[in-house]
Amino acid sequence: MDLARVWLLLFLCNSPIYFLWGWVLFRHWANFWEAIVFWFKPEMWSMFEGEYWDDIYAEMKLALWFFAPVGLIQFEMWLLGL
């Protein structure tokens, strides 16, 4: 089995964990979409609107939501010896 298929299989098997992790970080869909908006909005714009630290915090949560599952898949592949 090639590596891409293993990644895809692990991603599909872990998808409930990703949704749970998203719920832990964001609590509501509105908070998730707000993080997406902050991701595209320049920090200077947020600073002038008085939302700089909200912007930084939302982008940090979005990065954690993305990179933690990637790390989980890497850990599982390490455990499997791949």
PDB file of N, CA and C in Angstrom:
ATOM      1  N   MET A   1       0.860  -1.179   0.000  1.00  0.00           N
ATOM      2  CA  MET A   1       0.000   0.000   0.000  1.00  0.00           C
ATOM      3  C   MET A   1       0.903   1.239   0.000  1.00  0.00           C
ATOM      4  N   ASP A   2       0.633   2.150  -0.887  1.00  0.00           N
ATOM      5  CA  ASP A   2       1.487   3.333  -0.960  1.00  0.00           C
ATOM      6  C   ASP A   2       1.137   4.335   0.140  1.00  0.00           C
ATOM      7  N   LEU A   3       2.051   5.272   0.333  1.00  0.00           N
ATOM      8  CA  LEU A   3       1.961   6.211   1.447  1.00  0.00           C
ATOM      9  C   LEU A   3       0.751   7.140   1.354  1.00  0.00           C
ATOM     10  N   ALA A   4       0.385   7.560   0.158  1.00  0.00           N
ATOM     11  CA  ALA A   4      -0.763   8.457  -0.007  1.00  0.00           C
ATOM     12  C   ALA A   4      -2.061   7.777   0.420  1.00  0.00           C
ATOM     13  N   ARG A   5      -2.191   6.508   0.105  1.00  0.00           N
ATOM     14  CA  ARG A   5      -3.407   5.779   0.513  1.00  0.00           C
ATOM     15  C   ARG A   5      -3.472   5.614   2.027  1.00  0.00           C
ATOM     16  N   VAL A   6      -2.333   5.381   2.646  1.00  0.00           N
ATOM     17  CA  VAL A   6      -2.301   5.262   4.111  1.00  0.00           C
ATOM     18  C   VAL A   6      -2.713   6.586   4.743  1.00  0.00           C
ATOM     19  N   TRP A   7      -2.161   7.706   4.225  1.00  0.00           N
ATOM     20  CA  TRP A   7      -2.541   9.036   4.732  1.00  0.00           C
ATOM     21  C   TRP A   7      -4.037   9.249   4.596  1.00  0.00           C
ATOM     22  N   LEU A   8      -4.585   8.923   3.420  1.00  0.00           N
ATOM     23  CA  LEU A   8      -6.019   9.117   3.190  1.00  0.00           C
ATOM     24  C   LEU A   8      -6.845   8.240   4.122  1.00  0.00           C
ATOM     25  N   LEU A   9      -6.446   6.999   4.299  1.00  0.00           N
ATOM     26  CA  LEU A   9      -7.171   6.094   5.196  1.00  0.00           C
ATOM     27  C   LEU A   9      -7.137   6.603   6.637  1.00  0.00           C
ATOM     28  N   LEU A  10      -5.973   7.038   7.093  1.00  0.00           N
ATOM     29  CA  LEU A  10      -5.873   7.580   8.452  1.00  0.00           C
ATOM     30  C   LEU A  10      -6.678   8.869   8.606  1.00  0.00           C
ATOM     31  N   PHE A  11      -6.670   9.696   7.574  1.00  0.00           N
ATOM     32  CA  PHE A  11      -7.458  10.930   7.612  1.00  0.00           C
ATOM     33  C   PHE A  11      -8.945  10.612   7.740  1.00  0.00           C
ATOM     34  N   LEU A  12      -9.434   9.657   6.968  1.00  0.00           N
ATOM     35  CA  LEU A  12     -10.855   9.303   7.024  1.00  0.00           C
ATOM     36  C   LEU A  12     -11.224   8.647   8.357  1.00  0.00           C
ATOM     37  N   CYS A  13     -10.351   7.796   8.862  1.00  0.00           N
ATOM     38  CA  CYS A  13     -10.637   7.132  10.145  1.00  0.00           C
ATOM     39  C   CYS A  13     -10.616   8.113  11.317  1.00  0.00           C
ATOM     40  N   ASN A  14      -9.808   9.153  11.210  1.00  0.00           N
ATOM     41  CA  ASN A  14      -9.681  10.121  12.296  1.00  0.00           C
ATOM     42  C   ASN A  14     -10.607  11.321  12.147  1.00  0.00           C
ATOM     43  N   SER A  15     -11.415  11.379  11.113  1.00  0.00           N
ATOM     44  CA  SER A  15     -12.246  12.566  10.886  1.00  0.00           C
ATOM     45  C   SER A  15     -13.168  12.907  12.063  1.00  0.00           C
ATOM     46  N   PRO A  16     -13.742  11.939  12.794  1.00  0.00           N
ATOM     47  CA  PRO A  16     -14.515  12.351  13.987  1.00  0.00           C
ATOM     48  C   PRO A  16     -13.664  13.074  15.023  1.00  0.00           C
ATOM     49  N   ILE A  17     -12.399  12.698  15.146  1.00  0.00           N
ATOM     50  CA  ILE A  17     -11.502  13.372  16.080  1.00  0.00           C
ATOM     51  C   ILE A  17     -11.268  14.811  15.640  1.00  0.00           C
ATOM     52  N   TYR A  18     -11.166  15.045  14.325  1.00  0.00           N
ATOM     53  CA  TYR A  18     -10.947  16.395  13.815  1.00  0.00           C
ATOM     54  C   TYR A  18     -12.143  17.292  14.113  1.00  0.00           C
ATOM     55  N   PHE A  19     -13.353  16.748  13.955  1.00  0.00           N
ATOM     56  CA  PHE A  19     -14.544  17.541  14.273  1.00  0.00           C
ATOM     57  C   PHE A  19     -14.624  17.820  15.772  1.00  0.00           C
ATOM     58  N   LEU A  20     -14.286  16.838  16.586  1.00  0.00           N
ATOM     59  CA  LEU A  20     -14.266  17.051  18.034  1.00  0.00           C
ATOM     60  C   LEU A  20     -13.213  18.094  18.414  1.00  0.00           C
ATOM     61  N   TRP A  21     -12.036  18.025  17.816  1.00  0.00           N
ATOM     62  CA  TRP A  21     -10.982  19.001  18.070  1.00  0.00           C
ATOM     63  C   TRP A  21     -11.431  20.402  17.661  1.00  0.00           C
ATOM     64  N   GLY A  22     -12.133  20.504  16.536  1.00  0.00           N
ATOM     65  CA  GLY A  22     -12.670  21.796  16.106  1.00  0.00           C
ATOM     66  C   GLY A  22     -13.694  22.338  17.087  1.00  0.00           C
ATOM     67  N   TRP A  23     -14.521  21.439  17.629  1.00  0.00           N
ATOM     68  CA  TRP A  23     -15.520  21.878  18.608  1.00  0.00           C
ATOM     69  C   TRP A  23     -14.840  22.361  19.889  1.00  0.00           C
ATOM     70  N   VAL A  24     -13.779  21.678  20.309  1.00  0.00           N
ATOM     71  CA  VAL A  24     -13.055  22.087  21.513  1.00  0.00           C
ATOM     72  C   VAL A  24     -12.448  23.474  21.322  1.00  0.00           C
ATOM     73  N   LEU A  25     -11.882  23.728  20.145  1.00  0.00           N
ATOM     74  CA  LEU A  25     -11.227  25.011  19.904  1.00  0.00           C
ATOM     75  C   LEU A  25     -12.206  26.150  19.655  1.00  0.00           C
ATOM     76  N   PHE A  26     -13.249  25.903  18.867  1.00  0.00           N
ATOM     77  CA  PHE A  26     -14.097  26.997  18.393  1.00  0.00           C
ATOM     78  C   PHE A  26     -15.476  27.071  19.059  1.00  0.00           C
ATOM     79  N   ARG A  27     -15.998  25.979  19.535  1.00  0.00           N
ATOM     80  CA  ARG A  27     -17.308  25.877  20.192  1.00  0.00           C
ATOM     81  C   ARG A  27     -18.507  26.110  19.278  1.00  0.00           C
ATOM     82  N   HIS A  28     -18.419  27.034  18.328  1.00  0.00           N
ATOM     83  CA  HIS A  28     -19.537  27.335  17.427  1.00  0.00           C
ATOM     84  C   HIS A  28     -19.001  27.536  16.013  1.00  0.00           C
ATOM     85  N   TRP A  29     -19.856  27.279  15.036  1.00  0.00           N
ATOM     86  CA  TRP A  29     -19.462  27.497  13.643  1.00  0.00           C
ATOM     87  C   TRP A  29     -19.139  28.964  13.396  1.00  0.00           C
ATOM     88  N   ALA A  30     -19.824  29.857  14.091  1.00  0.00           N
ATOM     89  CA  ALA A  30     -19.573  31.288  13.899  1.00  0.00           C
ATOM     90  C   ALA A  30     -18.135  31.642  14.284  1.00  0.00           C
ATOM     91  N   ASN A  31     -17.623  31.044  15.342  1.00  0.00           N
ATOM     92  CA  ASN A  31     -16.241  31.304  15.746  1.00  0.00           C
ATOM     93  C   ASN A  31     -15.252  30.757  14.725  1.00  0.00           C
ATOM     94  N   PHE A  32     -15.587  29.607  14.130  1.00  0.00           N
ATOM     95  CA  PHE A  32     -14.727  29.049  13.081  1.00  0.00           C
ATOM     96  C   PHE A  32     -14.683  29.971  11.868  1.00  0.00           C
ATOM     97  N   TRP A  33     -15.848  30.458  11.436  1.00  0.00           N
ATOM     98  CA  TRP A  33     -15.889  31.344  10.270  1.00  0.00           C
ATOM     99  C   TRP A  33     -15.230  32.684  10.566  1.00  0.00           C
ATOM    100  N   GLU A  34     -15.343  33.136  11.799  1.00  0.00           N
ATOM    101  CA  GLU A  34     -14.655  34.364  12.188  1.00  0.00           C
ATOM    102  C   GLU A  34     -13.135  34.183  12.082  1.00  0.00           C
ATOM    103  N   ALA A  35     -12.638  33.006  12.459  1.00  0.00           N
ATOM    104  CA  ALA A  35     -11.207  32.724  12.335  1.00  0.00           C
ATOM    105  C   ALA A  35     -10.780  32.707  10.867  1.00  0.00           C
ATOM    106  N   ILE A  36     -11.633  32.166   9.997  1.00  0.00           N
ATOM    107  CA  ILE A  36     -11.330  32.166   8.560  1.00  0.00           C
ATOM    108  C   ILE A  36     -11.260  33.606   8.044  1.00  0.00           C
ATOM    109  N   VAL A  37     -12.202  34.454   8.467  1.00  0.00           N
ATOM    110  CA  VAL A  37     -12.201  35.854   8.042  1.00  0.00           C
ATOM    111  C   VAL A  37     -10.938  36.558   8.538  1.00  0.00           C
ATOM    112  N   PHE A  38     -10.566  36.329   9.794  1.00  0.00           N
ATOM    113  CA  PHE A  38      -9.359  36.938  10.332  1.00  0.00           C
ATOM    114  C   PHE A  38      -8.110  36.447   9.593  1.00  0.00           C
ATOM    115  N   TRP A  39      -8.152  35.209   9.112  1.00  0.00           N
ATOM    116  CA  TRP A  39      -7.013  34.659   8.394  1.00  0.00           C
ATOM    117  C   TRP A  39      -6.756  35.441   7.100  1.00  0.00           C
ATOM    118  N   PHE A  40      -7.828  35.838   6.428  1.00  0.00           N
ATOM    119  CA  PHE A  40      -7.686  36.583   5.183  1.00  0.00           C
ATOM    120  C   PHE A  40      -7.504  38.082   5.400  1.00  0.00           C
ATOM    121  N   LYS A  41      -7.909  38.577   6.557  1.00  0.00           N
ATOM    122  CA  LYS A  41      -7.805  40.016   6.834  1.00  0.00           C
ATOM    123  C   LYS A  41      -6.382  40.362   7.268  1.00  0.00           C
ATOM    124  N   PRO A  42      -5.782  41.393   6.702  1.00  0.00           N
ATOM    125  CA  PRO A  42      -4.432  41.793   7.127  1.00  0.00           C
ATOM    126  C   PRO A  42      -4.417  42.255   8.590  1.00  0.00           C
ATOM    127  N   GLU A  43      -3.313  41.956   9.272  1.00  0.00           N
ATOM    128  CA  GLU A  43      -3.206  42.305  10.683  1.00  0.00           C
ATOM    129  C   GLU A  43      -3.278  43.815  10.913  1.00  0.00           C
ATOM    130  N   MET A  44      -2.750  44.579   9.982  1.00  0.00           N
ATOM    131  CA  MET A  44      -2.815  46.038  10.128  1.00  0.00           C
ATOM    132  C   MET A  44      -4.262  46.523  10.128  1.00  0.00           C
ATOM    133  N   TRP A  45      -5.081  45.935   9.296  1.00  0.00           N
ATOM    134  CA  TRP A  45      -6.492  46.284   9.232  1.00  0.00           C
ATOM    135  C   TRP A  45      -7.153  45.963  10.580  1.00  0.00           C
ATOM    136  N   SER A  46      -6.845  44.784  11.122  1.00  0.00           N
ATOM    137  CA  SER A  46      -7.398  44.411  12.424  1.00  0.00           C
ATOM    138  C   SER A  46      -6.911  45.349  13.517  1.00  0.00           C
ATOM    139  N   MET A  47      -5.657  45.765  13.414  1.00  0.00           N
ATOM    140  CA  MET A  47      -5.114  46.669  14.421  1.00  0.00           C
ATOM    141  C   MET A  47      -5.854  48.006  14.406  1.00  0.00           C
ATOM    142  N   PHE A  48      -6.139  48.536  13.220  1.00  0.00           N
ATOM    143  CA  PHE A  48      -6.859  49.805  13.123  1.00  0.00           C
ATOM    144  C   PHE A  48      -8.306  49.675  13.595  1.00  0.00           C
ATOM    145  N   GLU A  49      -8.885  48.472  13.487  1.00  0.00           N
ATOM    146  CA  GLU A  49     -10.251  48.247  13.968  1.00  0.00           C
ATOM    147  C   GLU A  49     -10.283  47.871  15.446  1.00  0.00           C
ATOM    148  N   GLY A  50      -9.118  47.748  16.071  1.00  0.00           N
ATOM    149  CA  GLY A  50      -9.067  47.391  17.492  1.00  0.00           C
ATOM    150  C   GLY A  50      -9.262  45.912  17.756  1.00  0.00           C
ATOM    151  N   GLU A  51      -9.032  45.080  16.756  1.00  0.00           N
ATOM    152  CA  GLU A  51      -9.234  43.632  16.891  1.00  0.00           C
ATOM    153  C   GLU A  51      -7.939  42.857  16.692  1.00  0.00           C
ATOM    154  N   TYR A  52      -6.808  43.479  16.929  1.00  0.00           N
ATOM    155  CA  TYR A  52      -5.528  42.833  16.624  1.00  0.00           C
ATOM    156  C   TYR A  52      -5.353  41.530  17.403  1.00  0.00           C
ATOM    157  N   TRP A  53      -5.559  41.573  18.727  1.00  0.00           N
ATOM    158  CA  TRP A  53      -5.329  40.370  19.528  1.00  0.00           C
ATOM    159  C   TRP A  53      -6.395  39.313  19.276  1.00  0.00           C
ATOM    160  N   ASP A  54      -7.614  39.715  18.940  1.00  0.00           N
ATOM    161  CA  ASP A  54      -8.630  38.743  18.529  1.00  0.00           C
ATOM    162  C   ASP A  54      -8.207  38.042  17.240  1.00  0.00           C
ATOM    163  N   ASP A  55      -7.625  38.815  16.321  1.00  0.00           N
ATOM    164  CA  ASP A  55      -7.122  38.282  15.060  1.00  0.00           C
ATOM    165  C   ASP A  55      -6.022  37.253  15.309  1.00  0.00           C
ATOM    166  N   ILE A  56      -5.063  37.601  16.137  1.00  0.00           N
ATOM    167  CA  ILE A  56      -3.938  36.703  16.435  1.00  0.00           C
ATOM    168  C   ILE A  56      -4.442  35.420  17.093  1.00  0.00           C
ATOM    169  N   TYR A  57      -5.346  35.555  18.047  1.00  0.00           N
ATOM    170  CA  TYR A  57      -5.878  34.394  18.762  1.00  0.00           C
ATOM    171  C   TYR A  57      -6.674  33.492  17.824  1.00  0.00           C
ATOM    172  N   ALA A  58      -7.488  34.065  16.966  1.00  0.00           N
ATOM    173  CA  ALA A  58      -8.290  33.270  16.033  1.00  0.00           C
ATOM    174  C   ALA A  58      -7.397  32.549  15.030  1.00  0.00           C
ATOM    175  N   GLU A  59      -6.372  33.220  14.538  1.00  0.00           N
ATOM    176  CA  GLU A  59      -5.458  32.568  13.600  1.00  0.00           C
ATOM    177  C   GLU A  59      -4.650  31.465  14.275  1.00  0.00           C
ATOM    178  N   MET A  60      -4.313  31.648  15.548  1.00  0.00           N
ATOM    179  CA  MET A  60      -3.599  30.611  16.278  1.00  0.00           C
ATOM    180  C   MET A  60      -4.470  29.366  16.443  1.00  0.00           C
ATOM    181  N   LYS A  61      -5.748  29.574  16.782  1.00  0.00           N
ATOM    182  CA  LYS A  61      -6.656  28.437  16.915  1.00  0.00           C
ATOM    183  C   LYS A  61      -6.832  27.717  15.581  1.00  0.00           C
ATOM    184  N   LEU A  62      -6.908  28.472  14.493  1.00  0.00           N
ATOM    185  CA  LEU A  62      -7.048  27.864  13.173  1.00  0.00           C
ATOM    186  C   LEU A  62      -5.809  27.038  12.824  1.00  0.00           C
ATOM    187  N   ALA A  63      -4.631  27.553  13.136  1.00  0.00           N
ATOM    188  CA  ALA A  63      -3.397  26.803  12.872  1.00  0.00           C
ATOM    189  C   ALA A  63      -3.342  25.533  13.723  1.00  0.00           C
ATOM    190  N   LEU A  64      -3.734  25.629  14.989  1.00  0.00           N
ATOM    191  CA  LEU A  64      -3.778  24.438  15.844  1.00  0.00           C
ATOM    192  C   LEU A  64      -4.770  23.407  15.314  1.00  0.00           C
ATOM    193  N   TRP A  65      -5.907  23.884  14.840  1.00  0.00           N
ATOM    194  CA  TRP A  65      -6.919  22.984  14.302  1.00  0.00           C
ATOM    195  C   TRP A  65      -6.390  22.252  13.068  1.00  0.00           C
ATOM    196  N   PHE A  66      -5.547  22.900  12.283  1.00  0.00           N
ATOM    197  CA  PHE A  66      -5.024  22.274  11.076  1.00  0.00           C
ATOM    198  C   PHE A  66      -3.815  21.382  11.361  1.00  0.00           C
ATOM    199  N   PHE A  67      -2.849  21.867  12.140  1.00  0.00           N
ATOM    200  CA  PHE A  67      -1.591  21.152  12.294  1.00  0.00           C
ATOM    201  C   PHE A  67      -1.640  20.019  13.315  1.00  0.00           C
ATOM    202  N   ALA A  68      -2.503  20.077  14.297  1.00  0.00           N
ATOM    203  CA  ALA A  68      -2.584  18.990  15.270  1.00  0.00           C
ATOM    204  C   ALA A  68      -3.028  17.673  14.618  1.00  0.00           C
ATOM    205  N   PRO A  69      -4.038  17.657  13.747  1.00  0.00           N
ATOM    206  CA  PRO A  69      -4.374  16.399  13.076  1.00  0.00           C
ATOM    207  C   PRO A  69      -3.271  15.889  12.150  1.00  0.00           C
ATOM    208  N   VAL A  70      -2.543  16.792  11.514  1.00  0.00           N
ATOM    209  CA  VAL A  70      -1.414  16.365  10.677  1.00  0.00           C
ATOM    210  C   VAL A  70      -0.366  15.687  11.553  1.00  0.00           C
ATOM    211  N   GLY A  71      -0.115  16.254  12.718  1.00  0.00           N
ATOM    212  CA  GLY A  71       0.812  15.636  13.657  1.00  0.00           C
ATOM    213  C   GLY A  71       0.309  14.287  14.161  1.00  0.00           C
ATOM    214  N   LEU A  72      -1.004  14.175  14.359  1.00  0.00           N
ATOM    215  CA  LEU A  72      -1.597  12.909  14.787  1.00  0.00           C
ATOM    216  C   LEU A  72      -1.379  11.838  13.728  1.00  0.00           C
ATOM    217  N   ILE A  73      -1.579  12.182  12.470  1.00  0.00           N
ATOM    218  CA  ILE A  73      -1.362  11.206  11.397  1.00  0.00           C
ATOM    219  C   ILE A  73       0.108  10.807  11.341  1.00  0.00           C
ATOM    220  N   GLN A  74       1.002  11.778  11.484  1.00  0.00           N
ATOM    221  CA  GLN A  74       2.436  11.457  11.492  1.00  0.00           C
ATOM    222  C   GLN A  74       2.770  10.516  12.647  1.00  0.00           C
ATOM    223  N   PHE A  75       2.197  10.771  13.818  1.00  0.00           N
ATOM    224  CA  PHE A  75       2.436   9.911  14.982  1.00  0.00           C
ATOM    225  C   PHE A  75       1.912   8.506  14.735  1.00  0.00           C
ATOM    226  N   GLU A  76       0.728   8.394  14.154  1.00  0.00           N
ATOM    227  CA  GLU A  76       0.172   7.078  13.862  1.00  0.00           C
ATOM    228  C   GLU A  76       1.015   6.333  12.837  1.00  0.00           C
ATOM    229  N   MET A  77       1.523   7.032  11.847  1.00  0.00           N
ATOM    230  CA  MET A  77       2.384   6.393  10.858  1.00  0.00           C
ATOM    231  C   MET A  77       3.699   5.948  11.497  1.00  0.00           C
ATOM    232  N   TRP A  78       4.205   6.741  12.433  1.00  0.00           N
ATOM    233  CA  TRP A  78       5.409   6.338  13.157  1.00  0.00           C
ATOM    234  C   TRP A  78       5.147   5.080  13.969  1.00  0.00           C
ATOM    235  N   LEU A  79       3.974   5.001  14.615  1.00  0.00           N
ATOM    236  CA  LEU A  79       3.624   3.812  15.381  1.00  0.00           C
ATOM    237  C   LEU A  79       3.491   2.579  14.492  1.00  0.00           C
ATOM    238  N   LEU A  80       2.999   2.787  13.262  1.00  0.00           N
ATOM    239  CA  LEU A  80       2.865   1.672  12.321  1.00  0.00           C
ATOM    240  C   LEU A  80       4.173   1.316  11.643  1.00  0.00           C
ATOM    241  N   GLY A  81       5.183   2.150  11.827  1.00  0.00           N
ATOM    242  CA  GLY A  81       6.475   1.876  11.228  1.00  0.00           C
ATOM    243  C   GLY A  81       6.564   2.255   9.761  1.00  0.00           C
ATOM    244  N   LEU A  82       5.738   3.205   9.333  1.00  0.00           N
ATOM    245  CA  LEU A  82       5.748   3.627   7.918  1.00  0.00           C
ATOM    246  C   LEU A  82       6.499   4.917   7.743  1.00  0.00           C
TER     247      LEU A  82
END
